[in-house]
Structure formats: structure tokens, C-alpha cells
Amino acid sequence: AFISLNQIPFEGSWSTYQKLFWIEGMLTTIKNNKIPITAIRLLVHHQPLQDDHLNFAIPWPITGFLQK
């Protein structure tokens, strides 16, 4: 699935940790709502989100990365 936003969802001062937890929350919400997708790609204005610390050029698995 592609999620296209109209602006970068992170503040400039956010750490990589904060960004990962924001993403993890979004992935968990999608998974808990039983939406039948396996991965998402985050876009801004229909282009891959650009970030200095995280790679959004590849899909992120809906299962997330935190061990539960």
C-alpha cells in the first residue's frame, strides 16, 4: 500500500528513535484494524519520503519491528 501525505510527518528536531516509534504506531494501527496489506510505502506529494536517517525508498513491513 502507498500512503501519500501532504507534508513530512516528522518535526526537524525528532531523533531516529522518535521517528521509528511514530512509524511503529502507524504500522500497529493498520495491522490491528486487519487491513489486508503486508507492507506500506510512505510518500510525500506522491514521491518517496526523504529522510537523512531512515530509508523510505523500500516498503516497510506491516508487522513492524518491535518484538512483542
Protein backbone atom coordinates (compact mmCIF):
# COMPACT_ATOMS: atom_id res chain seq x y z
CA ALA A 1 0.00 0.00 0.00
CA PHE A 2 1.09 3.57 -0.63
CA ILE A 3 0.32 6.32 1.85
CA SER A 4 0.81 9.76 0.33
CA LEU A 5 1.00 12.65 2.77
CA ASN A 6 0.94 16.37 2.03
CA GLN A 7 3.95 17.06 4.29
CA ILE A 8 6.72 15.25 6.13
CA PRO A 9 5.13 13.82 9.31
CA PHE A 10 8.23 14.38 11.47
CA GLU A 11 9.49 17.54 13.09
CA GLY A 12 13.04 18.51 12.19
CA SER A 13 14.24 18.02 15.76
CA TRP A 14 12.96 14.43 16.06
CA SER A 15 15.52 11.70 16.73
CA THR A 16 15.63 8.50 14.70
CA TYR A 17 14.11 6.77 17.75
CA GLN A 18 11.11 9.12 17.75
CA LYS A 19 10.60 8.63 14.02
CA LEU A 20 10.72 4.85 14.38
CA PHE A 21 8.13 4.89 17.17
CA TRP A 22 5.82 7.10 15.10
CA ILE A 23 6.11 4.63 12.21
CA GLU A 24 5.66 1.65 14.54
CA GLY A 25 2.45 3.22 15.88
CA MET A 26 1.09 3.69 12.38
CA LEU A 27 2.00 0.11 11.39
CA THR A 28 0.38 -1.27 14.56
CA THR A 29 -2.81 0.71 13.90
CA ILE A 30 -3.06 -0.64 10.35
CA LYS A 31 -2.33 -4.21 11.49
CA ASN A 32 -4.83 -4.05 14.39
CA ASN A 33 -7.56 -2.90 12.01
CA LYS A 34 -6.99 -6.05 9.95
CA ILE A 35 -6.36 -4.18 6.73
CA PRO A 36 -5.16 -6.90 4.32
CA ILE A 37 -1.79 -5.50 3.31
CA THR A 38 1.73 -6.72 4.05
CA ALA A 39 3.80 -3.56 3.59
CA ILE A 40 3.48 0.19 3.13
CA ARG A 41 5.46 2.89 1.41
CA LEU A 42 5.32 6.43 2.75
CA LEU A 43 5.18 9.19 0.18
CA VAL A 44 5.07 12.98 0.37
CA HIS A 45 3.32 14.55 -2.60
CA HIS A 46 3.46 11.17 -4.40
CA GLN A 47 7.26 10.91 -4.05
CA PRO A 48 9.18 8.72 -1.54
CA LEU A 49 9.56 10.48 1.79
CA GLN A 50 13.11 11.82 2.11
CA ASP A 51 14.86 11.44 5.46
CA ASP A 52 18.54 11.60 6.43
CA HIS A 53 18.25 8.66 8.85
CA LEU A 54 15.58 6.28 7.54
CA ASN A 55 15.14 4.70 4.11
CA PHE A 56 11.64 5.18 2.70
CA ALA A 57 12.58 4.04 -0.81
CA ILE A 58 11.64 0.48 0.16
CA PRO A 59 8.39 -0.89 1.64
CA TRP A 60 8.05 -1.15 5.43
CA PRO A 61 6.52 -4.43 6.67
CA ILE A 62 3.15 -4.03 8.35
CA THR A 63 4.29 -6.36 11.15
CA GLY A 64 6.66 -3.65 12.35
CA PHE A 65 9.95 -4.21 14.08
CA LEU A 66 9.22 -4.28 17.81
CA GLN A 67 9.18 -7.67 19.50
CA LYS A 68 6.02 -8.21 21.50
